[in-house]
Amino acid sequence: RIALLQQLSQDHDVTSEQLAATLEVSSRTIRTDLKELRNILLQHGADIITKPKYGSRLVIQDQANYEAFIKGLATKQKELPITSAQRVQYLLEYLLAAEDYVKLDDLCESLYISKSSISQDLKEVRSRLEEYNLKLVNRPNYGIKVIGREFDLRLCIANTTIDQISHLAPQGDKKEMLSCIAQTLTNVFGQHQFRMSDVSFQNLIVHIYIAIQRIEEGCYVPLAQEQLKEIAKESEFQIAEEIVKQLTTAFHVEIPISEIGYIAIHLASKKIVELNQDGTNNVIIDNEINDIVTKMLQDVYDSFKIDFKEDIELRMVLALHLVPFG
């Protein structure tokens, strides 16, 4: 509603179609929001005047009353997401962090938008979640909640955080924590002569950051003993052990062995692999290839109900076979 109010505050009429295009919602949603906003403004010294074929505009009747309303609204809703894309990002972060069900009424109130608007945004949220095999379930009288495997939840949280960081530099404790993780990785990689691309390095920092947060909330990645035994044979597991040892000291958090395996999986999937003995030709197993492998294994599961998605060795072999086609 703040964004709608800003558009109506111009010195000319604005049509529903223009408002819908600017705010990235339907004309029907705009008409509903205009009606709701007008009812609020009438109590605070203002009105919305609509002229057929011309559009709508804000008319202030009691300047002092209206300014007091705007001041209180701005203070309460500082940095509120305005566009649909911004709201989708906000909803993703909010719902992924929520430990319990969230009511739509509460979301509408906090965002100052109608149920019709948030329903449109939630369609995109559901679509984004499905990319990570996550579901947004609706429980009558309770609200909505993101459901899925811890591994997929972390991947979605991490990538959502990466998108946010790419647009806005982290501040305060978050910045210090990310810097500490980066320094830890740099030290350990230097000791083991381990290499990965800059993009993969930055993404791994965020994945570990999310892992520590989830561990502090009591959420862990489950790994079967057989999987741990296989991962432990790889050199990446020893590197992950050293990373965890230093992180435990730095953040005073107990990190279980399953999480060491989780970090080792990321190291194995993101490392630079040397194809030739002389090391002259290198290949990077990037996120695109990993996504293709995940899709292949998901199709196998959908067709035969056999789950190979956590088979690290198979994932690596498939990825290496796909690299020449990149």
Protein backbone atom coordinates (compact mmCIF):
# COMPACT_ATOMS: atom_id res chain seq x y z
CA ARG A 1 0.00 0.00 0.00
CA ILE A 2 2.95 2.33 0.57
CA ALA A 3 4.05 1.81 -3.03
CA LEU A 4 0.50 2.41 -4.22
CA LEU A 5 0.29 5.59 -2.15
CA GLN A 6 3.55 6.82 -3.65
CA GLN A 7 2.21 6.34 -7.17
CA LEU A 8 -1.03 8.15 -6.32
CA SER A 9 0.88 11.11 -4.87
CA GLN A 10 1.96 12.29 -8.33
CA ASP A 11 0.56 15.51 -9.79
CA HIS A 12 -1.52 13.70 -12.40
CA ASP A 13 -4.08 10.90 -12.61
CA VAL A 14 -2.81 7.32 -12.83
CA THR A 15 -4.84 4.53 -14.42
CA SER A 16 -5.28 1.08 -12.91
CA GLU A 17 -3.35 -0.39 -15.84
CA GLN A 18 -0.40 1.94 -15.21
CA LEU A 19 -0.44 1.13 -11.48
CA ALA A 20 -0.65 -2.60 -12.20
CA ALA A 21 2.33 -2.47 -14.57
CA THR A 22 4.45 -0.42 -12.16
CA LEU A 23 3.66 -2.54 -9.10
CA GLU A 24 3.71 -5.84 -11.03
CA VAL A 25 0.22 -6.98 -10.02
CA SER A 26 -3.10 -7.41 -11.85
CA SER A 27 -5.55 -4.58 -12.51
CA ARG A 28 -8.08 -6.45 -10.39
CA THR A 29 -5.66 -6.43 -7.44
CA ILE A 30 -5.12 -2.69 -7.93
CA ARG A 31 -8.87 -2.02 -7.80
CA THR A 32 -9.17 -4.04 -4.58
CA ASP A 33 -6.18 -2.28 -3.01
CA LEU A 34 -7.48 1.15 -4.02
CA LYS A 35 -10.76 0.43 -2.26
CA GLU A 36 -9.02 -0.76 0.92
CA LEU A 37 -6.54 2.14 0.89
CA ARG A 38 -9.31 4.70 0.38
CA ASN A 39 -11.12 3.42 3.49
CA ILE A 40 -7.95 3.91 5.52
CA LEU A 41 -7.15 7.36 4.11
CA LEU A 42 -10.63 8.68 4.84
CA GLN A 43 -9.80 8.29 8.53
CA HIS A 44 -6.56 10.24 8.14
CA GLY A 45 -7.46 13.40 6.28
CA ALA A 46 -7.16 12.22 2.67
CA ASP A 47 -9.12 10.57 -0.13
CA ILE A 48 -8.58 8.83 -3.47
CA ILE A 49 -10.54 10.43 -6.31
CA THR A 50 -11.14 8.25 -9.37
CA LYS A 51 -12.31 9.65 -12.72
CA PRO A 52 -13.49 7.26 -15.45
CA LYS A 53 -11.08 7.11 -18.43
CA TYR A 54 -8.58 9.30 -16.55
CA GLY A 55 -7.52 7.36 -13.46
CA SER A 56 -7.00 8.00 -9.78
CA ARG A 57 -5.08 10.47 -7.66
CA LEU A 58 -4.55 11.31 -4.00
CA VAL A 59 -6.36 14.34 -2.56
CA ILE A 60 -5.26 15.62 0.85
CA GLN A 61 -7.99 17.34 2.88
CA ASP A 62 -6.34 17.59 6.33
CA GLN A 63 -2.59 18.11 5.87
CA ALA A 64 -1.62 17.73 9.53
CA ASN A 65 -3.66 14.55 10.01
CA TYR A 66 -2.32 13.05 6.80
CA GLU A 67 1.33 13.90 7.57
CA ALA A 68 1.04 12.30 11.01
CA PHE A 69 -0.37 9.17 9.37
CA ILE A 70 2.44 9.03 6.79
CA LYS A 71 5.12 9.61 9.42
CA GLY A 72 3.83 6.74 11.54
CA LEU A 73 3.47 4.50 8.50
CA ALA A 74 7.01 5.23 7.28
CA THR A 75 8.50 4.54 10.71
CA LYS A 76 6.64 1.26 11.05
CA GLN A 77 7.29 0.09 7.51
CA LYS A 78 10.89 1.16 6.93
CA GLU A 79 12.59 -0.82 4.16
CA LEU A 80 9.35 -2.64 3.33
CA PRO A 81 9.51 -4.61 0.05
CA ILE A 82 7.62 -2.72 -2.63
CA THR A 83 7.62 -4.65 -5.92
CA SER A 84 6.37 -8.20 -6.41
CA ALA A 85 9.95 -9.44 -6.95
CA GLN A 86 11.05 -7.85 -3.67
CA ARG A 87 8.10 -9.40 -1.84
CA VAL A 88 8.87 -12.85 -3.26
CA GLN A 89 12.44 -12.56 -1.98
CA TYR A 90 11.15 -11.39 1.42
CA LEU A 91 8.58 -14.20 1.63
CA LEU A 92 11.16 -16.83 0.69
CA GLU A 93 13.54 -15.69 3.41
CA TYR A 94 10.77 -15.32 5.98
CA LEU A 95 9.12 -18.68 5.34
CA LEU A 96 12.42 -20.58 5.16
CA ALA A 97 13.42 -19.15 8.53
CA ALA A 98 10.04 -19.78 10.18
CA GLU A 99 10.00 -22.70 12.59
CA ASP A 100 6.20 -22.93 12.67
CA TYR A 101 3.21 -22.24 10.45
CA VAL A 102 2.65 -18.63 9.34
CA LYS A 103 -0.82 -17.16 8.87
CA LEU A 104 -1.63 -15.29 5.66
CA ASP A 105 -3.37 -12.55 7.63
CA ASP A 106 -0.15 -11.86 9.53
CA LEU A 107 1.84 -11.67 6.30
CA CYS A 108 -0.70 -9.32 4.73
CA GLU A 109 -0.61 -7.07 7.78
CA SER A 110 3.19 -6.96 7.94
CA LEU A 111 3.52 -6.22 4.21
CA TYR A 112 0.49 -3.91 3.97
CA ILE A 113 -0.94 -5.76 0.97
CA SER A 114 -4.20 -7.58 0.24
CA LYS A 115 -4.71 -11.35 0.23
CA SER A 116 -5.12 -11.29 -3.54
CA SER A 117 -1.69 -9.64 -3.91
CA ILE A 118 0.08 -12.04 -1.58
CA SER A 119 -1.60 -15.01 -3.27
CA GLN A 120 0.02 -13.97 -6.55
CA ASP A 121 3.41 -13.62 -4.86
CA LEU A 122 3.05 -17.03 -3.20
CA LYS A 123 2.56 -18.67 -6.61
CA GLU A 124 6.10 -17.56 -7.51
CA VAL A 125 7.36 -18.62 -4.07
CA ARG A 126 5.94 -22.11 -4.62
CA SER A 127 7.56 -22.28 -8.04
CA ARG A 128 10.94 -21.28 -6.61
CA LEU A 129 10.63 -23.82 -3.80
CA GLU A 130 9.78 -26.63 -6.23
CA GLU A 131 13.20 -26.13 -7.85
CA TYR A 132 14.65 -27.46 -4.58
CA ASN A 133 12.08 -30.26 -4.10
CA LEU A 134 10.39 -28.22 -1.35
CA LYS A 135 6.66 -27.70 -0.84
CA LEU A 136 4.65 -24.86 0.66
CA VAL A 137 1.88 -26.65 2.52
CA ASN A 138 -1.31 -25.02 3.77
CA ARG A 139 -2.83 -26.25 7.05
CA PRO A 140 -6.35 -24.93 7.80
CA ASN A 141 -6.48 -22.61 10.85
CA TYR A 142 -2.67 -22.74 11.16
CA GLY A 143 -1.25 -21.18 8.00
CA ILE A 144 1.54 -22.09 5.59
CA LYS A 145 4.93 -23.71 6.09
CA VAL A 146 7.85 -24.89 3.94
CA ILE A 147 8.30 -28.66 4.09
CA GLY A 148 11.21 -30.72 2.75
CA ARG A 149 14.51 -32.44 3.45
CA GLU A 150 17.09 -30.55 5.49
CA PHE A 151 19.61 -30.85 2.65
CA ASP A 152 17.18 -29.21 0.20
CA LEU A 153 16.14 -26.58 2.75
CA ARG A 154 19.74 -25.53 3.26
CA LEU A 155 20.42 -25.40 -0.45
CA CYS A 156 17.41 -23.13 -0.99
CA ILE A 157 18.29 -20.93 2.00
CA ALA A 158 21.89 -20.65 0.82
CA ASN A 159 21.01 -19.73 -2.75
CA THR A 160 18.41 -17.24 -1.55
CA THR A 161 21.08 -15.68 0.69
CA ILE A 162 23.55 -15.62 -2.20
CA ASP A 163 21.00 -13.73 -4.32
CA GLN A 164 20.55 -11.22 -1.51
CA ILE A 165 24.29 -10.75 -0.96
CA SER A 166 24.85 -10.19 -4.69
CA HIS A 167 22.54 -7.15 -4.50
CA LEU A 168 23.37 -5.87 -1.02
CA ALA A 169 26.61 -6.16 0.96
CA PRO A 170 26.16 -7.89 4.34
CA GLN A 171 26.53 -5.81 7.48
CA GLY A 172 27.43 -6.26 11.16
CA ASP A 173 27.66 -9.72 12.69
CA LYS A 174 26.73 -11.41 9.41
CA LYS A 175 29.64 -9.74 7.62
CA GLU A 176 32.08 -10.72 10.38
CA MET A 177 30.87 -14.32 10.36
CA LEU A 178 31.17 -14.63 6.58
CA SER A 179 34.66 -13.11 6.72
CA CYS A 180 35.72 -15.58 9.41
CA ILE A 181 34.46 -18.54 7.37
CA ALA A 182 36.25 -17.21 4.29
CA GLN A 183 39.53 -16.88 6.20
CA THR A 184 39.14 -20.41 7.59
CA LEU A 185 38.59 -21.86 4.12
CA THR A 186 41.55 -19.92 2.74
CA ASN A 187 43.86 -21.24 5.46
CA VAL A 188 42.76 -24.86 5.14
CA PHE A 189 42.77 -24.85 1.34
CA GLY A 190 46.29 -23.42 1.41
CA GLN A 191 47.50 -26.19 3.70
CA HIS A 192 46.00 -28.92 1.51
CA GLN A 193 46.66 -27.23 -1.87
CA PHE A 194 42.95 -27.49 -2.63
CA ARG A 195 41.51 -25.27 -5.38
CA MET A 196 38.08 -24.17 -6.53
CA SER A 197 36.68 -21.32 -8.62
CA ASP A 198 36.02 -17.92 -7.02
CA VAL A 199 32.27 -18.25 -7.50
CA SER A 200 32.23 -21.73 -5.92
CA PHE A 201 34.36 -20.43 -3.05
CA GLN A 202 31.90 -17.61 -2.33
CA ASN A 203 28.93 -19.99 -2.55
CA LEU A 204 30.60 -22.47 -0.18
CA ILE A 205 31.07 -19.68 2.38
CA VAL A 206 27.33 -19.06 2.35
CA HIS A 207 26.51 -22.79 2.54
CA ILE A 208 28.68 -23.15 5.66
CA TYR A 209 27.19 -19.97 7.13
CA ILE A 210 23.70 -21.44 6.70
CA ALA A 211 24.85 -24.80 8.11
CA ILE A 212 26.10 -23.19 11.33
CA GLN A 213 22.84 -21.28 11.73
CA ARG A 214 20.78 -24.44 11.22
CA ILE A 215 22.95 -26.41 13.66
CA GLU A 216 22.39 -23.75 16.32
CA GLU A 217 18.64 -24.24 15.74
CA GLY A 218 19.01 -28.01 16.20
CA CYS A 219 18.59 -28.90 12.50
CA TYR A 220 21.11 -31.34 11.05
CA VAL A 221 21.77 -33.04 7.70
CA PRO A 222 21.20 -36.78 8.13
CA LEU A 223 23.75 -39.11 6.53
CA ALA A 224 23.67 -42.90 6.76
CA GLN A 225 26.70 -44.65 8.22
CA GLU A 226 27.38 -46.34 4.87
CA GLN A 227 27.47 -42.94 3.16
CA LEU A 228 29.77 -41.51 5.80
CA LYS A 229 32.16 -44.43 5.39
CA GLU A 230 32.35 -43.85 1.64
CA ILE A 231 32.80 -40.09 1.98
CA ALA A 232 35.45 -40.57 4.68
CA LYS A 233 37.65 -42.38 2.14
CA GLU A 234 37.96 -39.22 0.05
CA SER A 235 40.58 -36.53 0.59
CA GLU A 236 37.81 -33.91 0.78
CA PHE A 237 36.63 -35.45 4.04
CA GLN A 238 39.97 -34.78 5.73
CA ILE A 239 39.85 -31.20 4.47
CA ALA A 240 36.30 -30.88 5.81
CA GLU A 241 37.44 -32.20 9.20
CA GLU A 242 40.08 -29.49 9.46
CA ILE A 243 37.56 -26.82 8.42
CA VAL A 244 35.11 -28.01 11.07
CA LYS A 245 37.83 -28.10 13.72
CA GLN A 246 38.65 -24.44 13.12
CA LEU A 247 34.99 -23.41 12.85
CA THR A 248 34.21 -25.12 16.16
CA THR A 249 36.89 -23.04 17.84
CA ALA A 250 35.84 -19.82 16.13
CA PHE A 251 32.08 -20.04 16.76
CA HIS A 252 31.91 -22.29 19.84
CA VAL A 253 29.42 -24.65 18.21
CA GLU A 254 29.39 -28.45 18.28
CA ILE A 255 29.40 -29.72 14.70
CA PRO A 256 28.53 -33.44 14.30
CA ILE A 257 30.28 -35.82 11.93
CA SER A 258 27.31 -35.82 9.54
CA GLU A 259 27.96 -32.12 8.94
CA ILE A 260 31.59 -32.90 8.10
CA GLY A 261 30.23 -35.22 5.42
CA TYR A 262 27.92 -32.44 4.23
CA ILE A 263 30.85 -30.04 3.80
CA ALA A 264 32.88 -32.78 2.10
CA ILE A 265 30.07 -33.23 -0.42
CA HIS A 266 30.26 -29.55 -1.32
CA LEU A 267 34.04 -29.68 -1.59
CA ALA A 268 33.90 -32.69 -3.89
CA SER A 269 31.25 -31.15 -6.13
CA LYS A 270 32.92 -27.75 -6.45
CA LYS A 271 36.62 -28.55 -6.67
CA ILE A 272 38.74 -28.01 -9.76
CA VAL A 273 39.57 -31.43 -11.21
CA GLU A 274 42.81 -31.94 -13.16
CA LEU A 275 42.31 -34.13 -16.21
CA ASN A 276 45.90 -34.41 -17.33
CA GLN A 277 48.82 -35.58 -15.25
CA ASP A 278 50.75 -32.42 -16.02
CA GLY A 279 47.81 -30.35 -14.76
CA THR A 280 47.65 -28.23 -17.92
CA ASN A 281 43.96 -28.85 -18.56
CA ASN A 282 41.52 -28.22 -15.75
CA VAL A 283 37.77 -28.55 -15.56
CA ILE A 284 35.36 -26.92 -13.15
CA ILE A 285 32.31 -28.89 -12.04
CA ASP A 286 30.04 -25.87 -11.84
CA ASN A 287 26.53 -25.35 -10.51
CA GLU A 288 24.93 -25.85 -13.93
CA ILE A 289 26.42 -29.33 -14.27
CA ASN A 290 25.41 -30.16 -10.69
CA ASP A 291 21.85 -29.07 -11.50
CA ILE A 292 21.78 -31.35 -14.57
CA VAL A 293 23.00 -34.30 -12.49
CA THR A 294 20.36 -33.58 -9.85
CA LYS A 295 17.65 -33.49 -12.54
CA MET A 296 18.90 -36.79 -14.01
CA LEU A 297 18.82 -38.52 -10.63
CA GLN A 298 15.42 -37.04 -9.85
CA ASP A 299 14.06 -38.44 -13.14
CA VAL A 300 15.48 -41.85 -12.22
CA TYR A 301 13.71 -41.65 -8.87
CA ASP A 302 10.43 -40.51 -10.44
CA SER A 303 10.51 -43.39 -12.93
CA PHE A 304 11.89 -46.26 -10.83
CA LYS A 305 11.59 -45.04 -7.20
CA ILE A 306 15.30 -45.68 -6.69
CA ASP A 307 17.03 -42.80 -4.87
CA PHE A 308 20.62 -42.15 -6.03
CA LYS A 309 20.55 -38.43 -5.19
CA GLU A 310 22.84 -38.85 -2.16
CA ASP A 311 25.31 -41.22 -3.88
CA ILE A 312 28.34 -38.93 -3.94
CA GLU A 313 30.51 -41.17 -6.10
CA LEU A 314 27.80 -41.52 -8.73
CA ARG A 315 27.18 -37.75 -8.73
CA MET A 316 30.87 -37.04 -9.28
CA VAL A 317 31.21 -39.61 -12.10
CA LEU A 318 28.13 -38.26 -13.88
CA ALA A 319 29.35 -34.68 -13.48
CA LEU A 320 32.78 -35.50 -14.90
CA HIS A 321 31.15 -37.19 -17.91
CA LEU A 322 29.03 -34.10 -18.55
CA VAL A 323 31.90 -31.59 -18.38
CA PRO A 324 33.09 -32.07 -22.01
CA PHE A 325 29.57 -31.19 -23.22
CA GLY A 326 29.48 -27.89 -21.31
